[in-house]
Amino acid sequence: MIDQAIFKREWVILCERWNRTPSPEMTARYFQAINGRMTTESFLGACRVLFARNEFFPSPDEFVDAVNIPNEAKAIDQWELCLRVAEGEHHVLNRMDQVGKRVVAALGGPDALGRTDRDRVSFLRGEFLRTYIDLTHSREYHQIEGPEVTPESRRIMGEILNQRGTE
């Protein structure tokens, strides 16, 4: 949810930038279109990006897309680490951030990733990136439940995380 006072302040700045005088109805429509899709912090970040980058007044989707740019780069970096985990380098899980580890668990854990057919890797990549970006937008990402992880995967992940303290 976006703080309405901050929305109004940033809205005025953006409207001045593109010499716009929107009606109260248009302002309310924009707020409705993006409020459920962003936090106050992500909205502020999007406003800065759009102010600097856009040539024309942004659509509601452009607010959301502007926030995804840095998250996409980070998600791709985490995907590269995920691939290494899938290839059997389970110790690389220690180098992943908390969101990346959560996505690995949601996708079935290291063992399930390792059993992924080559022809499904691009599908898995898309799932990883979408889930990572969605979780980075959620304030409560740590409370989101993923699919059930097998006991074997949970044991291996526990061993990997315990190795962290011995290295």
C-alpha atoms as a PDB file:
ATOM      1  CA  MET A   1       0.000   0.000   0.000  1.00  0.00           C
ATOM      2  CA  ILE A   2       1.181   3.473  -0.840  1.00  0.00           C
ATOM      3  CA  ASP A   3       0.940   6.262   1.722  1.00  0.00           C
ATOM      4  CA  GLN A   4      -1.574   8.728   0.233  1.00  0.00           C
ATOM      5  CA  ALA A   5       0.305  11.841   1.384  1.00  0.00           C
ATOM      6  CA  ILE A   6       3.490  10.632  -0.292  1.00  0.00           C
ATOM      7  CA  PHE A   7       1.551   9.662  -3.408  1.00  0.00           C
ATOM      8  CA  LYS A   8       0.056  13.175  -3.663  1.00  0.00           C
ATOM      9  CA  ARG A   9       3.433  14.855  -3.151  1.00  0.00           C
ATOM     10  CA  GLU A  10       5.173  12.740  -5.801  1.00  0.00           C
ATOM     11  CA  TRP A  11       2.158  12.975  -8.137  1.00  0.00           C
ATOM     12  CA  VAL A  12       2.412  16.784  -8.125  1.00  0.00           C
ATOM     13  CA  ILE A  13       6.129  16.617  -8.928  1.00  0.00           C
ATOM     14  CA  LEU A  14       5.554  14.220 -11.832  1.00  0.00           C
ATOM     15  CA  CYS A  15       2.664  16.295 -13.160  1.00  0.00           C
ATOM     16  CA  GLU A  16       4.837  19.420 -13.080  1.00  0.00           C
ATOM     17  CA  ARG A  17       7.631  17.546 -14.873  1.00  0.00           C
ATOM     18  CA  TRP A  18       5.335  16.835 -17.842  1.00  0.00           C
ATOM     19  CA  ASN A  19       3.242  20.004 -17.539  1.00  0.00           C
ATOM     20  CA  ARG A  20       0.064  18.040 -16.726  1.00  0.00           C
ATOM     21  CA  THR A  21      -2.999  19.114 -14.781  1.00  0.00           C
ATOM     22  CA  PRO A  22      -4.896  15.892 -14.152  1.00  0.00           C
ATOM     23  CA  SER A  23      -8.421  15.871 -12.783  1.00  0.00           C
ATOM     24  CA  PRO A  24      -9.094  14.482  -9.311  1.00  0.00           C
ATOM     25  CA  GLU A  25     -10.716  11.497 -11.042  1.00  0.00           C
ATOM     26  CA  MET A  26      -7.577  10.769 -13.065  1.00  0.00           C
ATOM     27  CA  THR A  27      -5.426  11.082  -9.954  1.00  0.00           C
ATOM     28  CA  ALA A  28      -7.710   8.668  -8.090  1.00  0.00           C
ATOM     29  CA  ARG A  29      -7.653   6.231 -11.021  1.00  0.00           C
ATOM     30  CA  TYR A  30      -3.831   6.202 -11.067  1.00  0.00           C
ATOM     31  CA  PHE A  31      -3.727   5.664  -7.321  1.00  0.00           C
ATOM     32  CA  GLN A  32      -6.176   2.751  -7.588  1.00  0.00           C
ATOM     33  CA  ALA A  33      -4.225   1.216 -10.470  1.00  0.00           C
ATOM     34  CA  ILE A  34      -0.874   1.126  -8.694  1.00  0.00           C
ATOM     35  CA  ASN A  35      -1.657   1.155  -4.968  1.00  0.00           C
ATOM     36  CA  GLY A  36      -2.123  -2.590  -4.564  1.00  0.00           C
ATOM     37  CA  ARG A  37       0.915  -3.368  -6.691  1.00  0.00           C
ATOM     38  CA  MET A  38       3.551  -1.317  -4.852  1.00  0.00           C
ATOM     39  CA  THR A  39       4.741  -0.274  -1.425  1.00  0.00           C
ATOM     40  CA  THR A  40       5.426   3.354  -0.548  1.00  0.00           C
ATOM     41  CA  GLU A  41       9.156   2.694  -0.872  1.00  0.00           C
ATOM     42  CA  SER A  42       8.848   1.082  -4.295  1.00  0.00           C
ATOM     43  CA  PHE A  43       6.567   3.895  -5.456  1.00  0.00           C
ATOM     44  CA  LEU A  44       9.175   6.483  -4.424  1.00  0.00           C
ATOM     45  CA  GLY A  45      11.869   4.554  -6.292  1.00  0.00           C
ATOM     46  CA  ALA A  46       9.673   4.310  -9.376  1.00  0.00           C
ATOM     47  CA  CYS A  47       8.992   8.055  -9.294  1.00  0.00           C
ATOM     48  CA  ARG A  48      12.722   8.809  -9.261  1.00  0.00           C
ATOM     49  CA  VAL A  49      13.374   6.447 -12.159  1.00  0.00           C
ATOM     50  CA  LEU A  50      10.449   7.720 -14.221  1.00  0.00           C
ATOM     51  CA  PHE A  51      11.282  11.373 -13.536  1.00  0.00           C
ATOM     52  CA  ALA A  52      14.799  10.853 -14.842  1.00  0.00           C
ATOM     53  CA  ARG A  53      14.131   8.362 -17.649  1.00  0.00           C
ATOM     54  CA  ASN A  54      10.746   8.866 -19.241  1.00  0.00           C
ATOM     55  CA  GLU A  55      10.166  11.221 -22.121  1.00  0.00           C
ATOM     56  CA  PHE A  56       6.379  11.057 -21.737  1.00  0.00           C
ATOM     57  CA  PHE A  57       4.012  10.860 -18.782  1.00  0.00           C
ATOM     58  CA  PRO A  58       4.087   7.277 -17.403  1.00  0.00           C
ATOM     59  CA  SER A  59       1.243   4.788 -17.473  1.00  0.00           C
ATOM     60  CA  PRO A  60       0.370   2.864 -14.290  1.00  0.00           C
ATOM     61  CA  ASP A  61       2.227  -0.201 -15.605  1.00  0.00           C
ATOM     62  CA  GLU A  62       5.353   1.896 -16.126  1.00  0.00           C
ATOM     63  CA  PHE A  63       5.434   2.642 -12.390  1.00  0.00           C
ATOM     64  CA  VAL A  64       5.588  -1.085 -11.643  1.00  0.00           C
ATOM     65  CA  ASP A  65       8.065  -1.748 -14.461  1.00  0.00           C
ATOM     66  CA  ALA A  66      10.373   1.023 -13.223  1.00  0.00           C
ATOM     67  CA  VAL A  67      10.726  -0.761  -9.897  1.00  0.00           C
ATOM     68  CA  ASN A  68      11.438  -4.099 -11.562  1.00  0.00           C
ATOM     69  CA  ILE A  69      14.562  -2.885 -13.375  1.00  0.00           C
ATOM     70  CA  PRO A  70      16.976  -3.213 -10.435  1.00  0.00           C
ATOM     71  CA  ASN A  71      15.130  -6.282  -9.137  1.00  0.00           C
ATOM     72  CA  GLU A  72      15.432  -8.009 -12.497  1.00  0.00           C
ATOM     73  CA  ALA A  73      19.211  -7.554 -12.510  1.00  0.00           C
ATOM     74  CA  LYS A  74      19.454  -8.948  -8.998  1.00  0.00           C
ATOM     75  CA  ALA A  75      17.091 -11.810  -9.886  1.00  0.00           C
ATOM     76  CA  ILE A  76      19.297 -12.731 -12.865  1.00  0.00           C
ATOM     77  CA  ASP A  77      22.381 -12.775 -10.628  1.00  0.00           C
ATOM     78  CA  GLN A  78      20.548 -15.036  -8.193  1.00  0.00           C
ATOM     79  CA  TRP A  79      19.408 -17.277 -11.076  1.00  0.00           C
ATOM     80  CA  GLU A  80      23.028 -17.815 -12.085  1.00  0.00           C
ATOM     81  CA  LEU A  81      23.755 -19.006  -8.546  1.00  0.00           C
ATOM     82  CA  CYS A  82      20.622 -21.173  -8.622  1.00  0.00           C
ATOM     83  CA  LEU A  83      21.900 -22.889 -11.770  1.00  0.00           C
ATOM     84  CA  ARG A  84      25.110 -23.785  -9.974  1.00  0.00           C
ATOM     85  CA  VAL A  85      23.098 -25.216  -7.079  1.00  0.00           C
ATOM     86  CA  ALA A  86      21.080 -27.261  -9.602  1.00  0.00           C
ATOM     87  CA  GLU A  87      24.345 -28.559 -11.081  1.00  0.00           C
ATOM     88  CA  GLY A  88      25.268 -30.002  -7.684  1.00  0.00           C
ATOM     89  CA  GLU A  89      27.266 -27.128  -6.197  1.00  0.00           C
ATOM     90  CA  HIS A  90      25.044 -26.999  -3.112  1.00  0.00           C
ATOM     91  CA  HIS A  91      27.553 -24.861  -1.207  1.00  0.00           C
ATOM     92  CA  VAL A  92      26.690 -21.979  -3.580  1.00  0.00           C
ATOM     93  CA  LEU A  93      23.351 -21.737  -1.780  1.00  0.00           C
ATOM     94  CA  ASN A  94      25.292 -19.932   0.963  1.00  0.00           C
ATOM     95  CA  ARG A  95      26.075 -17.127  -1.497  1.00  0.00           C
ATOM     96  CA  MET A  96      22.413 -16.566  -2.357  1.00  0.00           C
ATOM     97  CA  ASP A  97      20.413 -13.865  -0.606  1.00  0.00           C
ATOM     98  CA  GLN A  98      17.407 -14.754   1.560  1.00  0.00           C
ATOM     99  CA  VAL A  99      14.918 -14.251  -1.277  1.00  0.00           C
ATOM    100  CA  GLY A 100      16.954 -16.443  -3.623  1.00  0.00           C
ATOM    101  CA  LYS A 101      17.128 -19.206  -0.998  1.00  0.00           C
ATOM    102  CA  ARG A 102      13.381 -18.926  -0.496  1.00  0.00           C
ATOM    103  CA  VAL A 103      12.769 -19.296  -4.227  1.00  0.00           C
ATOM    104  CA  VAL A 104      15.044 -22.363  -4.390  1.00  0.00           C
ATOM    105  CA  ALA A 105      12.997 -23.902  -1.573  1.00  0.00           C
ATOM    106  CA  ALA A 106       9.722 -22.976  -3.310  1.00  0.00           C
ATOM    107  CA  LEU A 107      10.936 -24.681  -6.484  1.00  0.00           C
ATOM    108  CA  GLY A 108      11.541 -27.913  -4.587  1.00  0.00           C
ATOM    109  CA  GLY A 109      15.035 -27.460  -3.190  1.00  0.00           C
ATOM    110  CA  PRO A 110      18.471 -28.287  -4.605  1.00  0.00           C
ATOM    111  CA  ASP A 111      17.721 -31.943  -5.378  1.00  0.00           C
ATOM    112  CA  ALA A 112      14.558 -31.180  -7.329  1.00  0.00           C
ATOM    113  CA  LEU A 113      16.397 -28.469  -9.253  1.00  0.00           C
ATOM    114  CA  GLY A 114      19.142 -30.968 -10.058  1.00  0.00           C
ATOM    115  CA  ARG A 115      16.600 -33.351 -11.567  1.00  0.00           C
ATOM    116  CA  THR A 116      15.186 -30.725 -13.938  1.00  0.00           C
ATOM    117  CA  ASP A 117      15.295 -31.805 -17.594  1.00  0.00           C
ATOM    118  CA  ARG A 118      17.373 -29.580 -19.835  1.00  0.00           C
ATOM    119  CA  ASP A 119      14.355 -28.743 -21.969  1.00  0.00           C
ATOM    120  CA  ARG A 120      12.579 -27.353 -18.873  1.00  0.00           C
ATOM    121  CA  VAL A 121      15.418 -25.115 -17.695  1.00  0.00           C
ATOM    122  CA  SER A 122      14.061 -22.067 -19.558  1.00  0.00           C
ATOM    123  CA  PHE A 123      10.655 -22.639 -17.905  1.00  0.00           C
ATOM    124  CA  LEU A 124      12.371 -22.956 -14.529  1.00  0.00           C
ATOM    125  CA  ARG A 125      14.304 -19.748 -15.217  1.00  0.00           C
ATOM    126  CA  GLY A 126      11.075 -17.866 -15.875  1.00  0.00           C
ATOM    127  CA  GLU A 127       9.509 -19.246 -12.699  1.00  0.00           C
ATOM    128  CA  PHE A 128      12.593 -18.348 -10.658  1.00  0.00           C
ATOM    129  CA  LEU A 129      12.740 -14.770 -11.989  1.00  0.00           C
ATOM    130  CA  ARG A 130       8.995 -14.128 -11.597  1.00  0.00           C
ATOM    131  CA  THR A 131       8.937 -15.537  -8.082  1.00  0.00           C
ATOM    132  CA  TYR A 132      12.066 -13.654  -7.050  1.00  0.00           C
ATOM    133  CA  ILE A 133      10.702 -10.329  -8.296  1.00  0.00           C
ATOM    134  CA  ASP A 134       7.303 -10.960  -6.711  1.00  0.00           C
ATOM    135  CA  LEU A 135       8.904 -11.770  -3.372  1.00  0.00           C
ATOM    136  CA  THR A 136      11.121  -8.693  -3.436  1.00  0.00           C
ATOM    137  CA  HIS A 137       7.966  -6.581  -3.775  1.00  0.00           C
ATOM    138  CA  SER A 138       6.301  -8.250  -0.800  1.00  0.00           C
ATOM    139  CA  ARG A 139       7.020  -6.857   2.641  1.00  0.00           C
ATOM    140  CA  GLU A 140       6.045 -10.185   4.128  1.00  0.00           C
ATOM    141  CA  TYR A 141       8.057 -12.361   1.711  1.00  0.00           C
ATOM    142  CA  HIS A 142       9.423 -14.381   4.608  1.00  0.00           C
ATOM    143  CA  GLN A 143       5.868 -15.390   5.557  1.00  0.00           C
ATOM    144  CA  ILE A 144       4.855 -16.606   2.087  1.00  0.00           C
ATOM    145  CA  GLU A 145       4.551 -20.351   2.013  1.00  0.00           C
ATOM    146  CA  GLY A 146       6.018 -22.192  -0.939  1.00  0.00           C
ATOM    147  CA  PRO A 147       5.165 -25.696  -2.069  1.00  0.00           C
ATOM    148  CA  GLU A 148       6.015 -28.513   0.312  1.00  0.00           C
ATOM    149  CA  VAL A 149       9.698 -29.412   0.282  1.00  0.00           C
ATOM    150  CA  THR A 150      10.575 -33.105   0.493  1.00  0.00           C
ATOM    151  CA  PRO A 151      12.217 -34.318   3.722  1.00  0.00           C
ATOM    152  CA  GLU A 152      15.373 -35.217   1.772  1.00  0.00           C
ATOM    153  CA  SER A 153      15.636 -31.713   0.288  1.00  0.00           C
ATOM    154  CA  ARG A 154      15.007 -30.179   3.696  1.00  0.00           C
ATOM    155  CA  ARG A 155      17.796 -32.353   5.200  1.00  0.00           C
ATOM    156  CA  ILE A 156      20.258 -31.379   2.460  1.00  0.00           C
ATOM    157  CA  MET A 157      19.387 -27.701   2.751  1.00  0.00           C
ATOM    158  CA  GLY A 158      19.869 -27.966   6.518  1.00  0.00           C
ATOM    159  CA  GLU A 159      23.305 -29.529   6.011  1.00  0.00           C
ATOM    160  CA  ILE A 160      24.249 -26.787   3.570  1.00  0.00           C
ATOM    161  CA  LEU A 161      23.139 -24.059   5.928  1.00  0.00           C
ATOM    162  CA  ASN A 162      24.928 -25.740   8.858  1.00  0.00           C
ATOM    163  CA  GLN A 163      28.166 -25.892   6.830  1.00  0.00           C
ATOM    164  CA  ARG A 164      28.010 -22.133   6.733  1.00  0.00           C
ATOM    165  CA  GLY A 165      28.966 -21.982  10.402  1.00  0.00           C
ATOM    166  CA  THR A 166      31.941 -24.331   9.975  1.00  0.00           C
ATOM    167  CA  GLU A 167      33.569 -22.562   7.021  1.00  0.00           C
END
